[in-house]
Each structure stands twice: as C-alpha cells, then as structure tokens.
C-alpha cells in the first residue's frame, strides 16, 4: 500500500471522543484562575478572589513534621484507611470538639475531600439513583455524581431559609419522585451560610424518616464567625461525614482529608480505596497529624479571615454591591449582581480585565440564578481585600 493510501486510511479513522459520563462540565473557577495567571504573566496586578484557597502557608509545625518524616525513612503505602495514629487523632477531635465518640474503624483518611466524595457516592448510590443537592452549591457535587451515573436533583434555596434545604423542601421533592440521597454543606460554598444545630438535626431526621441517605460536607468546619459548627454525627451514626485539612488547616496542596461512615460501609470504603487510590499519601498523613496541634497559628489566620470579612461587608456595598448573603462561615461572599447585569460571566471577565480583581461567576454554583451572581473569596490578605474594595468602588461608581 502506498504512503498516500496509508495516510488516507489513517485520516478516515474515527476520532476518539469522550464518553457521556466523561464529558463533565468545566469548573469555571479554574478557567478564571487561568485567565488571572495570564494577566499576571503580562505584568498586570491581580487580586485573587476567585479560588477558595488560603493565602497563608501551611503551619510551620506541620511543615516541620513533614520534613522530619522525609528524613527518618521510607514514605510508602499505608493501610487503605490511613495510619492508625491519624485516625485516632481524628476520633479525639470529635470527642473534644463535639462530644461524639467515633471508633477509628469508621474513619477513613482520604486524598482530600474530593476522593471522599467519590468513595461515598460509589458506596451509597447505584447508577440512576436520584441525589438532591442545594442550589446554589459546590459544582463538583453535580459533576462527580453525573460522571458516576447518578441523577442530580437541584433544590433551589433562598434567603428565606438562609440558603439551606428544609425538611419540607426535601419532602416535597421526594414526593415528586423518590430520592436516594441528600448532600448538604454547612458552612456552605458559595454562600458562606450555615445551618443551626437544630436545623441540621431536623433535616437529618427528616431524610432518614424518608429512607434518604445523608452526606454532610463539613470541610469548612472551624471557619465560622459567631455560629456553632455542628456535625451530623451529633444526630446520627447512620450518616456519612466528609472533612478536609485543606481549608482551616491551610493544606490544600497536600491532598489530605477524611470521612466518617456507618460501620456497615467501612469494608466497602476500604475495598474501594484499595482499588482506586491504594491509600492517601503517607507524607501528607504524617503532616496532618501535626495539624491538630497548630491551633495557635491557625487561629491567627482565622482572625485574618474575620478582618477580611469585615472589610468586604462594609466596603462592597459602598462600591454598589449591596445584595450580599449572610456570611456565617467559610471564606466566601456571594453577591447578587442582578441590578448590575444579567451576565455574570461577562461581568467577571470585564472585572478582571478592567480592575484586576478575579472572582468566580455564579453559573459555577447555580443553574437558576447564577447569571446574576458572583462569588468573592476572602482567603487572601487584608491588604488585598482593601485594595479590591478600592478598585471595585472606582469601577462601579
């Protein structure tokens, strides 16, 4: 066969395309990060308010623990559920912070919260199961669930319920067509709102009465400003709780988190971990063990977030961003910009181009009202928050 015929035959081969479940929606915040990085590469000043990542470094004691571990020996695989010392320390955290006794057999150390979501979804749901989440909400919930073949059901929330799902809202959706699962977050991303302990407990009990499996995303625990962070474990053992060292502990790049599951799911989670991930990185596990004793440094960082929150809650309304959600926890402000635009994607692009302030447009979080909303992260320095207010005031007034 001639080279020309071979070339034509190769050109006629069908293009390899991704599967339907592999064609997940983009995570818009990452696209904003790319645009912001490009602007910086061009020499422009950018204030990063797009990504939920602490600007503060990992505590020194945590970094030292990792350095010591590197010098002492081999960093290899661990047990699939994590090193016993870390699981014991996590159990101690629940006893001290929440008055809940959790046996370490129910604790699995994970590669950040992201792998915990994958593990929990695989252990709890079959293909085609309907799983409810709040809107606005974290986009990866939907994208991972759909990639695994589940049907995502958005329950639209409003200011009337502090952007939280209520038992009545859950029952109404379940009555339309039965739900298999419910995933909530408190403090929540992107809204920064929290559920009271009583509201959380009532929702768990309502879900369980309906036979709905309950997942509680608690990765922003310890980042609250006056309200109490309640864990779902205070209400029931038959829930899945997911947490992370990324946010409060400033360990995003270490990719380390944990989950607490009912005893009936421990073996399934262990086997899934063995096959999908083997184990969380040992170095990160050893570093995380030290994170629980870094409160002095971490509380200083949290005080910085509180100062940033104050700067933005006082400054953004003066810039024309007057429709702000309550900020109970986490490090986000979710702003309704419907009086300024019906296209938050364009608004975010222009804001970055014309002011150098990077923020995340609402469609990442909300299929209903996201085009009229934008999320600001205040995990950076107070100096940057003040400068952002100055730039936005100049731009919008």
Protein backbone atom coordinates (compact mmCIF):
# COMPACT_ATOMS: atom_id res chain seq x y z
CA UNK A 1 0.00 0.00 0.00
CA UNK A 2 1.33 3.40 -0.95
CA UNK A 3 2.11 6.07 1.58
CA UNK A 4 -0.75 8.16 0.21
CA UNK A 5 -3.27 5.34 0.74
CA UNK A 6 -1.96 4.73 4.26
CA UNK A 7 -2.30 8.43 5.03
CA UNK A 8 -5.88 8.48 3.70
CA UNK A 9 -6.79 5.38 5.72
CA UNK A 10 -5.41 6.93 8.87
CA UNK A 11 -7.25 10.18 8.20
CA UNK A 12 -10.50 8.23 7.86
CA UNK A 13 -10.22 6.67 11.32
CA UNK A 14 -12.98 7.84 13.66
CA UNK A 15 -11.97 10.47 16.17
CA UNK A 16 -11.75 9.20 19.74
CA UNK A 17 -14.29 11.21 21.72
CA UNK A 18 -15.06 11.18 25.44
CA UNK A 19 -17.97 9.19 26.78
CA UNK A 20 -21.11 10.92 28.01
CA UNK A 21 -20.12 10.39 31.64
CA UNK A 22 -16.62 11.64 30.85
CA UNK A 23 -17.93 14.88 29.40
CA UNK A 24 -18.36 16.71 32.69
CA UNK A 25 -18.94 20.44 32.82
CA UNK A 26 -15.88 22.64 33.34
CA UNK A 27 -15.09 24.01 36.79
CA UNK A 28 -15.34 27.71 35.92
CA UNK A 29 -13.20 28.85 38.83
CA UNK A 30 -10.25 27.03 37.25
CA UNK A 31 -10.86 28.90 33.98
CA UNK A 32 -10.85 32.18 35.91
CA UNK A 33 -7.57 31.13 37.54
CA UNK A 34 -6.11 30.53 34.08
CA UNK A 35 -7.19 33.97 32.87
CA UNK A 36 -5.83 35.58 36.04
CA UNK A 37 -2.49 33.81 35.64
CA UNK A 38 -2.30 35.00 32.03
CA UNK A 39 -2.93 38.58 33.16
CA UNK A 40 -0.16 38.29 35.75
CA UNK A 41 2.21 36.86 33.15
CA UNK A 42 1.56 40.01 31.13
CA UNK A 43 2.71 42.08 34.09
CA UNK A 44 -0.68 43.14 35.43
CA UNK A 45 -1.58 43.30 39.11
CA UNK A 46 -4.25 40.73 40.03
CA UNK A 47 -6.09 40.32 43.32
CA UNK A 48 -7.10 36.68 43.62
CA UNK A 49 -10.63 36.34 44.98
CA UNK A 50 -11.65 33.52 42.66
CA UNK A 51 -10.35 30.41 44.38
CA UNK A 52 -11.13 29.00 47.81
CA UNK A 53 -7.53 28.60 48.82
CA UNK A 54 -5.92 30.09 51.93
CA UNK A 55 -3.18 32.56 51.07
CA UNK A 56 -1.46 31.71 54.36
CA UNK A 57 1.12 28.92 54.23
CA UNK A 58 0.68 25.59 55.95
CA UNK A 59 1.58 25.97 59.65
CA UNK A 60 5.29 25.71 60.37
CA UNK A 61 4.84 22.77 62.76
CA UNK A 62 3.09 20.83 60.01
CA UNK A 63 5.85 21.52 57.51
CA UNK A 64 8.45 20.51 60.09
CA UNK A 65 6.64 17.25 60.76
CA UNK A 66 6.72 16.50 57.04
CA UNK A 67 10.43 17.37 56.80
CA UNK A 68 11.22 15.14 59.77
CA UNK A 69 9.25 12.29 58.23
CA UNK A 70 11.19 12.61 54.98
CA UNK A 71 14.49 12.37 56.82
CA UNK A 72 13.50 9.45 59.03
CA UNK A 73 12.60 6.81 56.50
CA UNK A 74 10.72 5.49 53.51
CA UNK A 75 7.49 7.16 52.51
CA UNK A 76 5.49 4.24 51.18
CA UNK A 77 1.96 2.92 51.10
CA UNK A 78 -0.12 2.87 54.26
CA UNK A 79 -3.19 0.91 55.24
CA UNK A 80 -6.02 1.82 52.87
CA UNK A 81 -7.98 3.58 55.61
CA UNK A 82 -4.94 5.54 56.80
CA UNK A 83 -2.32 5.37 59.52
CA UNK A 84 -3.86 4.43 62.89
CA UNK A 85 -2.28 7.41 64.66
CA UNK A 86 -4.07 9.91 62.43
CA UNK A 87 -7.39 8.09 62.63
CA UNK A 88 -7.08 8.06 66.42
CA UNK A 89 -6.35 11.79 66.43
CA UNK A 90 -9.40 12.45 64.25
CA UNK A 91 -11.52 10.44 66.68
CA UNK A 92 -10.12 12.52 69.53
CA UNK A 93 -11.07 15.69 67.66
CA UNK A 94 -14.72 14.62 67.52
CA UNK A 95 -14.71 13.77 71.21
CA UNK A 96 -13.16 17.09 72.22
CA UNK A 97 -14.89 19.42 69.76
CA UNK A 98 -18.32 17.81 69.53
CA UNK A 99 -18.68 15.37 72.40
CA UNK A 100 -19.09 12.47 69.97
CA UNK A 101 -17.33 9.12 70.35
CA UNK A 102 -16.32 7.76 66.94
CA UNK A 103 -14.47 4.42 66.75
CA UNK A 104 -11.49 4.58 64.42
CA UNK A 105 -12.95 1.67 62.45
CA UNK A 106 -15.43 4.18 60.99
CA UNK A 107 -12.76 6.74 59.99
CA UNK A 108 -11.09 6.67 56.58
CA UNK A 109 -8.26 9.03 55.66
CA UNK A 110 -8.68 10.19 52.07
CA UNK A 111 -6.92 12.12 49.31
CA UNK A 112 -8.63 15.37 50.16
CA UNK A 113 -12.39 15.64 50.30
CA UNK A 114 -12.64 15.03 46.54
CA UNK A 115 -11.78 11.34 46.83
CA UNK A 116 -14.08 11.09 49.84
CA UNK A 117 -16.97 12.27 47.67
CA UNK A 118 -16.14 9.66 45.04
CA UNK A 119 -15.89 6.92 47.67
CA UNK A 120 -19.11 7.91 49.37
CA UNK A 121 -21.07 8.17 46.12
CA UNK A 122 -19.85 4.75 44.98
CA UNK A 123 -20.62 3.17 48.35
CA UNK A 124 -24.07 4.73 48.71
CA UNK A 125 -25.61 5.03 45.25
CA UNK A 126 -26.34 2.96 42.16
CA UNK A 127 -26.42 4.23 38.59
CA UNK A 128 -29.67 6.13 38.09
CA UNK A 129 -30.22 6.97 41.76
CA UNK A 130 -31.57 10.46 42.42
CA UNK A 131 -29.43 12.57 44.75
CA UNK A 132 -30.50 16.01 45.94
CA UNK A 133 -28.20 18.98 46.47
CA UNK A 134 -28.85 22.63 47.24
CA UNK A 135 -28.68 25.34 44.62
CA UNK A 136 -26.50 27.40 44.91
CA UNK A 137 -23.93 24.72 45.72
CA UNK A 138 -20.44 23.40 45.04
CA UNK A 139 -20.27 22.41 41.34
CA UNK A 140 -18.14 19.29 41.79
CA UNK A 141 -21.00 17.59 43.65
CA UNK A 142 -23.08 17.60 40.48
CA UNK A 143 -20.21 16.83 38.14
CA UNK A 144 -18.94 13.81 40.10
CA UNK A 145 -22.42 12.40 40.68
CA UNK A 146 -23.28 12.67 36.99
CA UNK A 147 -19.97 11.12 35.96
CA UNK A 148 -20.90 8.15 38.16
CA UNK A 149 -24.30 7.84 36.51
CA UNK A 150 -26.49 9.38 39.20
CA UNK A 151 -29.31 11.83 38.57
CA UNK A 152 -28.74 15.15 40.32
CA UNK A 153 -31.78 16.93 41.71
CA UNK A 154 -31.35 20.62 42.49
CA UNK A 155 -33.41 22.00 45.34
CA UNK A 156 -33.50 25.76 44.89
CA UNK A 157 -32.87 27.67 48.11
CA UNK A 158 -33.50 31.30 49.01
CA UNK A 159 -32.81 33.87 51.69
CA UNK A 160 -35.99 32.77 53.48
CA UNK A 161 -34.22 29.59 54.63
CA UNK A 162 -30.71 31.09 54.71
CA UNK A 163 -29.98 29.15 51.51
CA UNK A 164 -30.42 25.80 53.25
CA UNK A 165 -32.70 22.89 52.41
CA UNK A 166 -35.52 22.38 54.93
CA UNK A 167 -37.41 19.17 55.83
CA UNK A 168 -40.49 20.46 54.00
CA UNK A 169 -38.49 21.21 50.85
CA UNK A 170 -36.93 17.75 50.98
CA UNK A 171 -40.28 16.02 51.50
CA UNK A 172 -41.83 17.94 48.60
CA UNK A 173 -39.06 16.89 46.21
CA UNK A 174 -39.16 13.29 47.45
CA UNK A 175 -42.93 13.19 46.85
CA UNK A 176 -42.43 14.05 43.17
CA UNK A 177 -40.13 11.07 42.68
CA UNK A 178 -38.22 9.22 45.44
CA UNK A 179 -34.73 10.41 46.30
CA UNK A 180 -31.93 8.05 47.27
CA UNK A 181 -29.57 10.61 48.76
CA UNK A 182 -29.11 14.13 50.07
CA UNK A 183 -25.84 16.05 50.26
CA UNK A 184 -25.59 19.27 52.27
CA UNK A 185 -22.77 21.57 53.38
CA UNK A 186 -22.57 23.81 56.44
CA UNK A 187 -20.74 26.19 56.25
CA UNK A 188 -21.64 26.22 52.58
CA UNK A 189 -19.79 27.07 49.39
CA UNK A 190 -20.52 29.51 47.71
CA UNK A 191 -22.97 31.14 50.08
CA UNK A 192 -20.99 31.14 53.33
CA UNK A 193 -24.23 30.42 55.17
CA UNK A 194 -24.64 27.86 57.95
CA UNK A 195 -27.40 25.71 59.39
CA UNK A 196 -28.12 25.93 63.10
CA UNK A 197 -27.54 22.68 65.02
CA UNK A 198 -31.30 22.34 65.39
CA UNK A 199 -31.95 22.82 61.67
CA UNK A 200 -29.25 20.31 60.73
CA UNK A 201 -30.61 17.71 63.15
CA UNK A 202 -34.16 18.19 61.89
CA UNK A 203 -33.07 17.73 58.27
CA UNK A 204 -31.14 14.55 59.08
CA UNK A 205 -34.12 13.07 60.89
CA UNK A 206 -36.47 14.02 58.06
CA UNK A 207 -34.17 12.42 55.48
CA UNK A 208 -33.83 9.21 57.45
CA UNK A 209 -37.59 9.01 58.02
CA UNK A 210 -37.96 9.08 54.23
CA UNK A 211 -35.22 6.49 53.68
CA UNK A 212 -32.88 9.08 52.13
CA UNK A 213 -29.14 8.58 52.68
CA UNK A 214 -27.44 11.64 54.17
CA UNK A 215 -24.00 13.08 53.39
CA UNK A 216 -22.69 16.07 55.34
CA UNK A 217 -19.87 18.11 53.81
CA UNK A 218 -18.08 19.66 56.78
CA UNK A 219 -14.84 20.80 55.13
CA UNK A 220 -15.30 24.40 56.33
CA UNK A 221 -15.76 23.44 59.96
CA UNK A 222 -13.86 25.65 62.41
CA UNK A 223 -14.27 28.58 60.00
CA UNK A 224 -17.30 30.32 61.49
CA UNK A 225 -17.97 33.82 62.75
CA UNK A 226 -20.28 33.60 65.74
CA UNK A 227 -22.31 30.50 64.88
CA UNK A 228 -21.67 26.95 66.07
CA UNK A 229 -20.40 24.36 63.60
CA UNK A 230 -22.49 21.27 64.33
CA UNK A 231 -21.54 17.87 62.96
CA UNK A 232 -24.11 15.45 61.62
CA UNK A 233 -22.55 12.82 63.88
CA UNK A 234 -24.17 14.54 66.85
CA UNK A 235 -27.54 13.46 65.47
CA UNK A 236 -26.93 10.05 63.89
CA UNK A 237 -24.36 7.33 63.27
CA UNK A 238 -26.09 6.47 60.00
CA UNK A 239 -24.65 9.38 58.05
CA UNK A 240 -21.52 9.98 56.00
CA UNK A 241 -19.44 12.96 57.12
CA UNK A 242 -16.68 14.38 54.93
CA UNK A 243 -13.96 16.73 56.14
CA UNK A 244 -10.62 18.03 54.93
CA UNK A 245 -7.33 19.51 56.03
CA UNK A 246 -7.41 21.92 53.08
CA UNK A 247 -9.37 24.89 54.39
CA UNK A 248 -9.00 25.60 58.13
CA UNK A 249 -5.62 23.83 58.26
CA UNK A 250 -4.26 25.55 55.11
CA UNK A 251 -3.21 22.29 53.45
CA UNK A 252 -4.84 22.45 50.00
CA UNK A 253 -1.83 21.11 48.09
CA UNK A 254 -1.24 18.22 50.49
CA UNK A 255 -4.43 16.49 49.25
CA UNK A 256 -5.48 15.04 52.58
CA UNK A 257 -8.89 14.70 54.21
CA UNK A 258 -11.10 12.18 55.93
CA UNK A 259 -14.55 10.67 56.08
CA UNK A 260 -16.63 9.04 58.80
CA UNK A 261 -19.02 6.34 57.64
CA UNK A 262 -21.51 3.95 59.26
CA UNK A 263 -19.99 0.63 60.35
CA UNK A 264 -21.95 -1.08 57.58
CA UNK A 265 -19.98 0.85 54.93
CA UNK A 266 -16.44 0.57 56.31
CA UNK A 267 -15.46 -2.54 54.36
CA UNK A 268 -16.90 -1.19 51.12
CA UNK A 269 -14.99 2.09 51.53
CA UNK A 270 -11.82 0.17 52.39
CA UNK A 271 -12.07 -2.03 49.28
CA UNK A 272 -12.87 0.92 47.03
CA UNK A 273 -9.87 2.79 48.41
CA UNK A 274 -7.58 -0.21 47.91
CA UNK A 275 -8.52 -0.37 44.24
CA UNK A 276 -8.92 3.31 43.35
CA UNK A 277 -6.26 5.07 45.43
CA UNK A 278 -4.38 2.40 47.49
CA UNK A 279 -4.01 4.98 50.28
CA UNK A 280 -3.68 8.67 50.95
CA UNK A 281 -0.05 9.85 50.70
CA UNK A 282 1.85 8.82 53.82
CA UNK A 283 3.80 12.08 53.97
CA UNK A 284 0.57 14.09 53.98
CA UNK A 285 -0.90 11.84 56.66
CA UNK A 286 2.09 12.36 58.93
CA UNK A 287 1.96 16.11 58.37
CA UNK A 288 -1.78 16.18 59.07
CA UNK A 289 -1.19 14.54 62.42
CA UNK A 290 0.69 17.67 63.48
CA UNK A 291 -2.03 19.99 62.17
CA UNK A 292 -4.29 19.27 65.14
CA UNK A 293 -1.69 20.88 67.42
CA UNK A 294 -1.23 24.04 65.33
CA UNK A 295 -4.22 25.93 66.74
CA UNK A 296 -2.24 28.97 67.87
CA UNK A 297 -1.06 29.71 64.33
CA UNK A 298 -4.34 28.69 62.70
CA UNK A 299 -6.48 30.90 64.92
CA UNK A 300 -4.35 33.90 63.92
CA UNK A 301 -5.08 33.05 60.28
CA UNK A 302 -8.78 32.71 61.06
CA UNK A 303 -8.72 36.14 62.72
CA UNK A 304 -7.38 37.46 59.42
CA UNK A 305 -10.38 35.99 57.61
CA UNK A 306 -12.68 37.70 60.11
CA UNK A 307 -10.94 41.01 59.39
CA UNK A 308 -11.27 40.42 55.64
CA UNK A 309 -14.96 39.62 56.06
CA UNK A 310 -15.48 42.91 57.87
CA UNK A 311 -13.64 44.87 55.17
CA UNK A 312 -15.80 43.40 52.42
CA UNK A 313 -19.13 43.53 54.22
CA UNK A 314 -18.52 47.22 54.88
CA UNK A 315 -16.79 48.08 51.60
CA UNK A 316 -18.63 46.17 48.88
CA UNK A 317 -22.00 47.90 49.50
CA UNK A 318 -20.25 51.26 49.12
CA UNK A 319 -18.97 50.04 45.76
CA UNK A 320 -22.51 49.24 44.64
CA UNK A 321 -22.59 45.55 45.56
CA UNK A 322 -25.41 45.87 48.06
CA UNK A 323 -27.10 42.48 47.79
CA UNK A 324 -24.86 40.23 49.86
CA UNK A 325 -25.77 36.94 51.51
CA UNK A 326 -25.11 36.48 55.23
CA UNK A 327 -21.55 35.29 55.83
CA UNK A 328 -21.72 32.85 58.73
CA UNK A 329 -18.70 30.73 57.86
CA UNK A 330 -16.12 29.62 55.29
CA UNK A 331 -14.39 32.49 53.44
CA UNK A 332 -16.81 33.47 50.70
CA UNK A 333 -19.19 36.30 49.94
CA UNK A 334 -21.89 35.51 47.39
CA UNK A 335 -23.24 38.68 45.81
CA UNK A 336 -26.44 39.18 43.84
CA UNK A 337 -25.45 41.46 40.94
CA UNK A 338 -28.78 41.31 39.13
CA UNK A 339 -29.15 45.08 39.44
CA UNK A 340 -25.90 45.46 37.51
CA UNK A 341 -26.01 42.66 34.93
CA UNK A 342 -27.77 39.53 33.76
CA UNK A 343 -24.48 38.04 32.56
CA UNK A 344 -22.11 37.32 35.44
CA UNK A 345 -19.72 35.53 33.08
CA UNK A 346 -19.16 38.74 31.13
CA UNK A 347 -19.16 40.76 34.36
CA UNK A 348 -16.36 38.61 35.82
CA UNK A 349 -14.34 38.83 32.60
CA UNK A 350 -14.66 42.61 32.46
CA UNK A 351 -13.92 42.97 36.16
CA UNK A 352 -10.67 41.04 35.75
CA UNK A 353 -9.70 42.90 32.57
CA UNK A 354 -10.57 46.39 33.85
CA UNK A 355 -9.76 46.18 37.59
CA UNK A 356 -7.51 43.17 38.05
CA UNK A 357 -9.94 41.64 40.57
CA UNK A 358 -10.57 37.95 39.89
CA UNK A 359 -13.81 36.38 41.16
CA UNK A 360 -15.97 33.42 40.17
CA UNK A 361 -19.21 33.87 38.20
CA UNK A 362 -22.36 32.33 39.61
CA UNK A 363 -23.16 29.70 36.94
CA UNK A 364 -20.48 27.52 38.52
CA UNK A 365 -22.76 27.20 41.55
CA UNK A 366 -26.34 27.89 40.49
CA UNK A 367 -28.19 26.77 37.34
CA UNK A 368 -31.12 29.05 38.21
CA UNK A 369 -29.84 32.46 39.29
CA UNK A 370 -26.12 32.09 38.68
CA UNK A 371 -26.04 34.51 35.77
CA UNK A 372 -26.95 37.23 38.28
CA UNK A 373 -24.43 36.30 40.99
CA UNK A 374 -20.71 36.28 41.68
CA UNK A 375 -18.56 34.76 44.43
CA UNK A 376 -15.68 36.52 46.14
CA UNK A 377 -13.18 34.56 48.23
CA UNK A 378 -11.67 36.46 51.16
CA UNK A 379 -8.96 33.91 51.93
CA UNK A 380 -6.22 36.37 50.92
CA UNK A 381 -4.56 39.17 52.84
CA UNK A 382 -6.47 42.05 54.42
CA UNK A 383 -4.35 44.45 52.36
CA UNK A 384 -5.60 42.78 49.18
CA UNK A 385 -9.22 42.92 50.36
CA UNK A 386 -8.89 46.66 50.99
CA UNK A 387 -7.33 47.18 47.57
CA UNK A 388 -10.09 45.13 45.94
CA UNK A 389 -12.73 47.37 47.51
CA UNK A 390 -10.87 50.44 46.25
CA UNK A 391 -10.66 49.09 42.70
CA UNK A 392 -14.28 47.95 42.61
CA UNK A 393 -15.53 51.27 44.01
CA UNK A 394 -13.62 53.12 41.32
CA UNK A 395 -15.01 50.76 38.66
CA UNK A 396 -18.67 50.66 39.70
CA UNK A 397 -19.31 54.19 40.98
